[in-house]
Protein backbone atom coordinates (compact mmCIF):
# COMPACT_ATOMS: atom_id res chain seq x y z
CA MET A 1 -64.31 -73.36 56.08
CA PRO A 2 -64.75 -70.47 58.60
CA THR A 3 -67.89 -70.42 60.68
CA SER A 4 -69.63 -67.34 62.00
CA THR A 5 -69.93 -66.71 65.72
CA ALA A 6 -72.68 -64.92 67.59
CA SER A 7 -70.63 -61.72 67.56
CA ASP A 8 -70.42 -61.83 63.74
CA ARG A 9 -74.18 -61.91 63.20
CA PRO A 10 -76.51 -58.93 62.82
CA SER A 11 -78.05 -57.84 66.11
CA VAL A 12 -79.71 -54.83 67.69
CA GLY A 13 -76.77 -54.62 70.07
CA GLN A 14 -74.56 -53.47 67.19
CA LEU A 15 -76.48 -50.19 67.07
CA ILE A 16 -74.82 -48.78 70.17
CA ASN A 17 -71.26 -49.51 69.03
CA ALA A 18 -70.89 -46.01 67.54
CA PRO A 19 -72.94 -42.77 67.51
CA HIS A 20 -73.49 -42.85 63.77
CA ARG A 21 -74.81 -46.44 63.88
CA LEU A 22 -77.56 -45.59 66.36
CA MET A 23 -78.49 -42.14 65.08
CA PHE A 24 -78.38 -43.06 61.39
CA PHE A 25 -80.56 -46.10 62.11
CA VAL A 26 -83.01 -43.83 63.96
CA GLY A 27 -82.94 -41.35 61.09
CA ALA A 28 -83.45 -44.04 58.46
CA SER A 29 -86.42 -45.41 60.41
CA ASN A 30 -87.81 -41.93 61.02
CA VAL A 31 -87.69 -40.87 57.37
CA LEU A 32 -89.72 -43.86 56.19
CA LEU A 33 -92.23 -43.51 59.05
CA ALA A 34 -92.58 -39.77 58.49
CA MET A 35 -93.09 -40.07 54.75
CA ALA A 36 -95.46 -43.03 55.09
CA TRP A 37 -97.69 -40.97 57.40
CA TRP A 38 -97.47 -37.89 55.17
CA ALA A 39 -98.23 -39.88 52.02
CA ALA A 40 -101.21 -41.54 53.72
CA TRP A 41 -102.56 -38.19 54.87
CA LEU A 42 -102.17 -36.63 51.42
CA ILE A 43 -103.87 -39.60 49.75
CA ALA A 44 -106.73 -39.36 52.25
CA ALA A 45 -107.02 -35.61 51.62
CA ARG A 46 -107.07 -36.07 47.83
CA TRP A 47 -109.07 -39.32 47.67
CA PRO A 48 -111.05 -39.61 50.95
CA ASP A 49 -113.13 -42.48 49.59
CA VAL A 50 -109.99 -44.52 48.90
CA LEU A 51 -108.20 -44.07 52.22
CA PRO A 52 -110.31 -42.58 55.02
CA MET A 53 -108.29 -41.37 57.99
CA PRO A 54 -109.33 -41.85 61.65
CA GLN A 55 -109.78 -38.07 61.86
CA PRO A 56 -109.61 -35.30 59.28
CA GLN A 57 -106.71 -33.53 60.98
CA PRO A 58 -104.04 -34.55 63.49
CA PRO A 59 -103.89 -32.61 66.79
CA ILE A 60 -102.08 -29.84 64.90
CA GLN A 61 -102.43 -28.88 61.24
CA ALA A 62 -100.96 -31.70 59.14
CA GLY A 63 -98.69 -29.55 56.98
CA TRP A 64 -97.15 -27.93 60.06
CA LEU A 65 -96.62 -31.31 61.68
CA HIS A 66 -94.97 -32.62 58.51
CA ALA A 67 -92.60 -29.65 58.46
CA PHE A 68 -91.76 -30.06 62.15
CA ILE A 69 -91.05 -33.79 61.90
CA MET A 70 -88.82 -33.44 58.85
CA GLN A 71 -86.89 -30.45 60.20
CA TYR A 72 -86.49 -31.41 63.85
CA LEU A 73 -86.61 -35.22 63.92
CA VAL A 74 -85.76 -36.83 60.58
CA LEU A 75 -82.79 -34.77 59.37
CA PRO A 76 -81.43 -33.97 62.87
CA SER A 77 -81.24 -37.69 63.65
CA PHE A 78 -78.62 -37.99 60.92
CA MET A 79 -77.00 -34.69 61.91
CA PHE A 80 -76.57 -35.71 65.54
CA GLY A 81 -75.10 -39.02 64.39
CA PHE A 82 -72.54 -37.16 62.30
CA LEU A 83 -71.74 -34.42 64.81
CA LEU A 84 -71.47 -36.75 67.82
CA THR A 85 -68.91 -38.68 65.76
CA VAL A 86 -66.86 -35.85 64.27
CA PHE A 87 -66.86 -33.27 67.07
CA PRO A 88 -64.30 -35.22 69.14
CA ARG A 89 -62.17 -35.82 66.03
CA TRP A 90 -62.29 -32.20 64.89
CA MET A 91 -61.17 -31.14 68.37
CA GLY A 92 -58.67 -33.91 69.15
CA LEU A 93 -60.73 -35.22 72.07
CA PRO A 94 -61.67 -38.80 73.09
CA ASP A 95 -64.69 -40.38 71.40
CA LEU A 96 -67.99 -40.32 73.27
CA LYS A 97 -69.06 -43.42 75.19
CA GLN A 98 -72.20 -45.45 74.63
CA ARG A 99 -73.92 -44.07 77.71
CA ASP A 100 -73.45 -40.58 76.28
CA TYR A 101 -75.21 -40.86 72.94
CA VAL A 102 -77.88 -43.55 73.50
CA PRO A 103 -80.31 -41.10 75.23
CA VAL A 104 -80.24 -38.85 72.16
CA GLY A 105 -81.40 -41.69 69.92
CA VAL A 106 -84.07 -42.79 72.39
CA GLY A 107 -85.45 -39.25 72.59
CA LEU A 108 -85.66 -38.71 68.84
CA MET A 109 -87.00 -42.17 67.97
CA GLY A 110 -89.48 -42.34 70.86
CA GLY A 111 -90.54 -38.75 70.28
CA GLN A 112 -91.42 -39.32 66.65
CA LEU A 113 -93.31 -42.54 67.38
CA ALA A 114 -95.39 -40.79 70.05
CA ILE A 115 -96.10 -37.84 67.76
CA LEU A 116 -97.21 -40.09 64.90
CA PHE A 117 -99.45 -42.08 67.27
CA SER A 118 -101.10 -38.78 68.19
CA THR A 119 -102.27 -38.45 64.57
CA LEU A 120 -104.33 -41.63 65.04
CA GLY A 121 -106.38 -40.04 67.79
CA LEU A 122 -104.05 -40.37 70.80
CA LYS A 123 -103.82 -36.62 71.38
CA ALA A 124 -101.71 -36.90 74.53
CA GLY A 125 -99.03 -38.50 72.39
CA LEU A 126 -98.22 -35.14 70.82
CA VAL A 127 -97.16 -33.52 74.09
CA VAL A 128 -95.43 -36.70 75.31
CA GLY A 129 -93.57 -36.97 72.02
CA LEU A 130 -92.51 -33.33 72.06
CA LEU A 131 -91.20 -33.69 75.61
CA MET A 132 -89.16 -36.70 74.52
CA VAL A 133 -87.79 -34.69 71.60
CA VAL A 134 -86.84 -31.84 73.93
CA ALA A 135 -85.13 -34.33 76.25
CA GLY A 136 -83.15 -35.95 73.42
CA TRP A 137 -82.12 -32.63 71.97
CA SER A 138 -81.21 -31.23 75.41
CA TRP A 139 -78.86 -34.12 76.08
CA GLY A 140 -77.34 -33.89 72.61
CA LEU A 141 -76.68 -30.16 73.05
CA PHE A 142 -75.17 -30.82 76.47
CA LEU A 143 -72.77 -33.44 75.05
CA LEU A 144 -71.64 -31.28 72.15
CA GLY A 145 -71.41 -28.18 74.34
CA ARG A 146 -69.26 -30.05 76.82
CA LEU A 147 -66.87 -30.90 74.00
CA LEU A 148 -66.70 -27.26 72.93
CA PHE A 149 -65.76 -26.20 76.45
CA ALA A 150 -63.16 -28.97 76.74
CA GLU A 151 -61.46 -28.12 73.45
CA PRO A 152 -58.08 -26.42 73.94
CA GLY A 153 -58.45 -24.33 70.76
CA LYS A 154 -61.38 -23.06 68.69
CA THR A 155 -62.85 -25.13 65.88
CA TRP A 156 -65.07 -22.58 64.14
CA HIS A 157 -66.93 -25.17 62.08
CA ALA A 158 -67.97 -26.90 65.29
CA ARG A 159 -69.10 -23.59 66.75
CA SER A 160 -71.05 -22.81 63.60
CA CYS A 161 -72.88 -26.15 63.79
CA TYR A 162 -73.57 -25.68 67.48
CA ALA A 163 -75.00 -22.18 66.96
CA ALA A 164 -77.41 -23.64 64.39
CA LEU A 165 -78.41 -26.39 66.82
CA VAL A 166 -79.19 -23.77 69.46
CA LEU A 167 -81.47 -21.96 67.01
CA GLY A 168 -83.12 -25.29 66.23
CA TYR A 169 -83.60 -25.94 69.94
CA LEU A 170 -85.42 -22.63 70.25
CA GLY A 171 -87.62 -23.73 67.36
CA ILE A 172 -88.53 -26.97 69.17
CA LEU A 173 -89.36 -25.10 72.36
CA GLY A 174 -91.48 -22.70 70.32
CA PHE A 175 -93.40 -25.57 68.76
CA LEU A 176 -94.01 -27.14 72.17
CA ALA A 177 -95.19 -23.79 73.51
CA SER A 178 -97.55 -23.42 70.55
CA VAL A 179 -99.12 -26.81 71.27
CA LEU A 180 -99.56 -26.00 74.96
CA THR A 181 -100.94 -22.49 74.37
CA GLU A 182 -102.59 -22.97 70.94
CA ASN A 183 -100.61 -19.99 69.65
CA VAL A 184 -100.26 -20.60 65.91
CA VAL A 185 -97.78 -17.73 65.50
CA LEU A 186 -95.23 -19.79 67.43
CA VAL A 187 -95.70 -22.65 64.98
CA PHE A 188 -94.86 -20.28 62.13
CA TYR A 189 -91.69 -19.11 63.90
CA SER A 190 -90.69 -22.68 64.70
CA ILE A 191 -90.97 -23.83 61.09
CA LYS A 192 -88.96 -20.87 59.82
CA LEU A 193 -86.21 -21.46 62.41
CA GLY A 194 -85.97 -25.09 61.34
CA GLY A 195 -85.09 -24.24 57.74
CA MET A 196 -82.79 -21.23 57.63
CA GLY A 197 -81.82 -21.24 61.30
CA LEU A 198 -81.00 -24.92 61.82
CA LEU A 199 -80.66 -27.02 58.68
CA PHE A 200 -79.16 -24.66 56.10
CA PRO A 201 -76.32 -23.38 58.35
CA ILE A 202 -75.34 -26.91 59.42
CA TYR A 203 -75.42 -28.30 55.89
CA ILE A 204 -73.43 -25.39 54.48
CA THR A 205 -70.92 -25.55 57.35
CA VAL A 206 -70.26 -29.26 56.80
CA ALA A 207 -69.97 -28.69 53.04
CA HIS A 208 -67.51 -25.84 53.63
CA ARG A 209 -65.29 -27.96 55.87
CA MET A 210 -65.56 -31.44 54.37
CA PHE A 211 -66.22 -31.29 50.62
CA PRO A 212 -62.97 -29.55 49.58
CA PHE A 213 -61.13 -31.91 51.92
CA PHE A 214 -62.72 -34.96 50.28
CA ALA A 215 -61.92 -33.61 46.81
CA GLY A 216 -58.33 -32.85 47.76
CA ASN A 217 -57.81 -36.48 48.74
CA VAL A 218 -58.77 -37.96 45.36
CA VAL A 219 -58.49 -35.27 42.66
CA PRO A 220 -54.87 -34.50 41.67
CA GLY A 221 -53.98 -30.82 41.83
CA TYR A 222 -57.17 -29.82 43.62
CA LYS A 223 -56.84 -26.53 45.51
CA LEU A 224 -58.69 -26.25 48.81
CA TRP A 225 -60.86 -23.14 49.22
CA ARG A 226 -62.40 -22.76 52.69
CA PRO A 227 -62.28 -19.10 53.83
CA LEU A 228 -64.10 -18.53 57.11
CA SER A 229 -65.05 -15.05 55.89
CA TRP A 230 -67.25 -16.69 53.24
CA LEU A 231 -68.96 -18.86 55.86
CA ALA A 232 -69.53 -15.80 58.08
CA ALA A 233 -71.10 -13.92 55.16
CA VAL A 234 -73.44 -16.83 54.38
CA TRP A 235 -74.44 -16.94 58.05
CA ALA A 236 -75.20 -13.20 58.03
CA PHE A 237 -77.43 -13.33 54.96
CA ALA A 238 -79.10 -16.55 56.11
CA LEU A 239 -80.07 -14.77 59.34
CA LEU A 240 -81.33 -11.82 57.31
CA HIS A 241 -83.44 -14.21 55.22
CA LEU A 242 -84.73 -15.81 58.42
CA GLY A 243 -85.60 -12.45 59.97
CA LEU A 244 -87.44 -11.28 56.86
CA GLU A 245 -89.41 -14.53 56.69
CA MET A 246 -90.37 -14.31 60.36
CA ALA A 247 -91.48 -10.71 59.80
CA ASN A 248 -93.51 -11.94 56.80
CA ALA A 249 -91.61 -9.47 54.61
CA MET A 250 -91.48 -11.84 51.66
CA ARG A 251 -91.19 -9.07 49.07
CA TRP A 252 -87.86 -8.04 50.60
CA LEU A 253 -86.27 -11.49 50.72
CA TRP A 254 -84.24 -10.62 47.63
CA LEU A 255 -82.07 -8.43 49.88
CA ALA A 256 -80.75 -11.64 51.43
CA ASP A 257 -81.28 -14.10 48.59
CA VAL A 258 -79.52 -12.26 45.77
CA PRO A 259 -76.30 -12.09 47.83
CA LEU A 260 -76.77 -15.74 48.86
CA PHE A 261 -77.17 -16.66 45.21
CA GLY A 262 -73.90 -14.89 44.42
CA LEU A 263 -72.03 -16.36 47.37
CA THR A 264 -73.16 -19.94 46.75
CA THR A 265 -72.62 -19.72 42.99
CA TYR A 266 -69.07 -18.55 43.54
CA ALA A 267 -68.40 -21.25 46.15
CA THR A 268 -69.82 -23.95 43.89
CA TRP A 269 -67.45 -22.81 41.13
CA ARG A 270 -64.45 -22.67 43.49
CA TRP A 271 -65.21 -26.03 45.10
CA TRP A 272 -66.02 -27.94 41.91
CA PRO A 273 -63.19 -30.37 41.02
CA ARG A 274 -61.77 -29.81 37.53
CA GLY A 275 -60.58 -33.40 37.25
CA ARG A 276 -62.43 -36.69 37.06
CA MET A 277 -64.51 -37.43 40.15
CA PRO A 278 -65.46 -40.83 41.58
CA GLY A 279 -69.19 -41.26 42.09
CA LEU A 280 -69.12 -40.86 45.87
CA LEU A 281 -67.48 -37.46 45.46
CA ALA A 282 -69.49 -36.32 42.44
CA VAL A 283 -72.84 -36.68 44.23
CA LEU A 284 -71.68 -34.21 46.89
CA PHE A 285 -71.04 -31.48 44.33
CA TYR A 286 -74.14 -32.24 42.27
CA GLY A 287 -76.08 -31.79 45.50
CA VAL A 288 -74.31 -28.48 46.21
CA ALA A 289 -75.48 -27.23 42.81
CA TRP A 290 -79.01 -27.08 44.24
CA ILE A 291 -78.04 -24.19 46.56
CA PRO A 292 -77.59 -21.43 43.95
CA LEU A 293 -80.67 -22.74 42.14
CA THR A 294 -82.62 -22.48 45.39
CA PHE A 295 -81.65 -18.85 45.94
CA ALA A 296 -82.27 -18.03 42.28
CA LEU A 297 -85.85 -19.24 42.80
CA TYR A 298 -86.20 -17.36 46.10
CA SER A 299 -84.82 -14.17 44.51
CA ALA A 300 -87.14 -14.40 41.50
CA GLN A 301 -90.14 -15.02 43.73
CA SER A 302 -89.35 -12.05 45.96
CA LEU A 303 -88.65 -9.66 43.09
CA ILE A 304 -91.87 -10.65 41.28
CA LEU A 305 -93.79 -10.11 44.52
CA LEU A 306 -92.17 -6.69 44.94
CA ALA A 307 -92.96 -5.67 41.36
CA SER A 308 -96.42 -7.12 40.87
CA GLY A 309 -97.74 -8.19 44.26
CA GLU A 310 -98.11 -11.77 43.01
CA PHE A 311 -96.68 -14.61 45.10
CA VAL A 312 -95.63 -17.07 42.43
CA LEU A 313 -93.79 -20.39 42.91
CA GLY A 314 -95.29 -20.99 46.37
CA ARG A 315 -93.16 -23.50 48.28
CA ALA A 316 -91.05 -24.40 45.23
CA PRO A 317 -87.89 -22.57 46.42
CA ALA A 318 -88.17 -24.17 49.86
CA HIS A 319 -88.45 -27.65 48.38
CA ALA A 320 -85.53 -27.04 46.04
CA LEU A 321 -83.61 -26.49 49.27
CA PHE A 322 -85.19 -29.26 51.33
CA ILE A 323 -85.38 -32.08 48.81
CA GLY A 324 -82.78 -31.01 46.26
CA PHE A 325 -80.01 -29.83 48.58
CA PHE A 326 -80.79 -31.45 51.93
CA GLY A 327 -82.12 -34.69 50.44
CA SER A 328 -79.29 -35.14 47.94
CA LEU A 329 -76.58 -34.53 50.51
CA LEU A 330 -78.37 -36.73 53.03
CA VAL A 331 -77.99 -39.71 50.71
CA ALA A 332 -74.47 -38.72 49.64
CA MET A 333 -73.01 -38.05 53.09
CA VAL A 334 -74.75 -40.88 54.93
CA THR A 335 -73.62 -43.31 52.23
CA ARG A 336 -70.04 -42.05 52.51
CA VAL A 337 -69.95 -42.30 56.31
CA THR A 338 -71.69 -45.68 56.27
CA GLN A 339 -69.29 -47.18 53.72
CA GLY A 340 -66.17 -45.84 55.43
CA HIS A 341 -67.14 -46.56 59.02
CA SER A 342 -68.33 -50.10 58.24
CA GLY A 343 -65.04 -51.13 56.64
CA ARG A 344 -66.45 -51.12 53.10
CA PRO A 345 -65.05 -49.52 49.92
CA LEU A 346 -65.78 -45.82 49.40
CA ILE A 347 -68.13 -46.30 46.47
CA MET A 348 -71.77 -45.50 45.67
CA PRO A 349 -73.71 -48.80 45.84
CA TRP A 350 -76.63 -49.31 43.47
CA ALA A 351 -79.19 -48.56 46.20
CA ALA A 352 -77.53 -45.21 46.89
CA TRP A 353 -77.45 -44.32 43.18
CA PHE A 354 -81.12 -45.24 42.87
CA ALA A 355 -82.05 -43.10 45.88
CA TYR A 356 -79.96 -40.16 44.71
CA ILE A 357 -81.23 -40.11 41.11
CA ALA A 358 -84.83 -40.70 42.19
CA LEU A 359 -84.64 -37.77 44.62
CA GLN A 360 -83.60 -35.49 41.76
CA ILE A 361 -86.79 -36.50 39.94
CA VAL A 362 -88.83 -36.05 43.12
CA THR A 363 -87.38 -32.55 43.57
CA VAL A 364 -88.31 -31.47 40.06
CA LEU A 365 -91.83 -32.85 40.47
CA ARG A 366 -92.29 -31.06 43.80
CA ILE A 367 -91.12 -27.75 42.32
CA ALA A 368 -93.39 -28.18 39.29
CA SER A 369 -96.37 -29.11 41.50
CA GLU A 370 -96.61 -25.49 42.66
CA VAL A 371 -97.84 -24.40 39.23
CA THR A 372 -100.27 -27.28 38.57
CA THR A 373 -104.05 -27.15 38.89
CA ASP A 374 -104.27 -30.32 41.00
CA ALA A 375 -101.56 -29.72 43.61
CA TYR A 376 -102.63 -32.44 46.06
CA LEU A 377 -102.35 -35.08 43.36
CA TRP A 378 -98.70 -34.15 42.82
CA TYR A 379 -98.00 -33.71 46.53
CA ALA A 380 -99.13 -37.31 47.05
CA ILE A 381 -97.05 -38.54 44.11
CA VAL A 382 -93.99 -36.77 45.50
CA ALA A 383 -94.50 -38.22 48.99
CA ILE A 384 -94.80 -41.72 47.53
CA GLY A 385 -91.74 -40.95 45.42
CA TRP A 386 -89.74 -40.25 48.60
CA ILE A 387 -90.62 -43.72 49.90
CA VAL A 388 -89.86 -45.48 46.61
CA ALA A 389 -86.55 -43.61 46.30
CA LEU A 390 -85.30 -44.28 49.81
CA LEU A 391 -86.69 -47.72 50.69
CA PRO A 392 -83.91 -49.86 49.11
CA TRP A 393 -81.23 -47.50 50.43
CA VAL A 394 -82.70 -47.48 53.96
CA CYS A 395 -82.94 -51.28 54.00
CA ARG A 396 -79.31 -51.59 52.94
CA ILE A 397 -77.83 -49.12 55.43
CA GLY A 398 -80.11 -50.39 58.20
CA TRP A 399 -78.73 -53.89 57.73
CA ILE A 400 -75.18 -52.51 57.85
CA TYR A 401 -75.83 -50.74 61.18
CA LEU A 402 -77.12 -54.00 62.64
CA SER A 403 -74.05 -55.90 61.42
CA PRO A 404 -70.39 -55.95 62.53
CA ARG A 405 -67.83 -54.02 60.48
CA ALA A 406 -66.82 -55.83 57.31
CA ASP A 407 -63.13 -55.48 58.18
CA GLY A 408 -63.54 -56.93 61.69
CA ARG A 409 -62.52 -53.72 63.45
CA PRO A 410 -64.53 -52.34 66.39
CA GLY A 411 -66.97 -49.47 65.92
């Protein structure tokens, strides 16, 4: 009967064996911490007698801090884990070494912990945490930029992702500047840059490159459709959307969002496999279906505002994008990478299915909450729903990152 050795057992040391191990572990930890804090704050705001908070507001308005943490710490932890892994492979360059990517994880994990401690009354933690975030991001951008310069050719998907990261970096610097100067306008710019400047372009770039490739590997007769002209057009209208939002010209967003609705609807139709899909592939395309729905909501909201002056739907379009699209593909892509890079079968485990289906329910509830009379009740329910949805999945993947590969290979 075989016996396990020390190297076969789960350990923290396993985290630094590959970029995705460390950064996905950081991201998984960050998402639960971030949503636990946000749920607690919402419960305290709605039922102050049930859960009193140490102070009524963190050092910066709670909703802004929630948006910053989710956009610049939680999701980018996973994105850096993916990009630090695939950039060398896309470009035919050697993999990064442990000493390269560990500082990125330390910056993002330490930064979020310090920021969350600041909400308990340790105000200096906000600036310390933001400086750690800037340091982690700076090093990550340096590593990826170095790879771009070393590449003999031009991988446009890598350049697209890097351009979005640069916009996100500007958003982080803007948020730090707003904290130091108490300029709330910079907070507004930072939050807008995080959505349509950072997250949407990276997600859509990865979908454009990877999803048809995945489908072509398992669906007989599948035809790849990945024109760079389409990606360039999406970038152009995303920047127009961003510019209109930053100018607070919400009634004119339809100028960007109607074309984005058309572009993403067409891409969804072209990408969608016509044959039978395994679960791990199907969840990618079900997640993509949230993009045209998002821009349909944005377009309707803008056109109604233009016609009547009424701002209906509130943050519903944004949360269709953030929870529906970003959240769905987070579970789908992280599960796929985790299964494949840990030597496990490319299937959707039960914890991943639970997380994915529960997030669809959470998305619908968050969209509907914008038209309810007791919004904070539903905000709190949605925040708790995030935790319930992701907790089993996070525990499973976290254990995998702490454990050796199932097939005994390094990495």
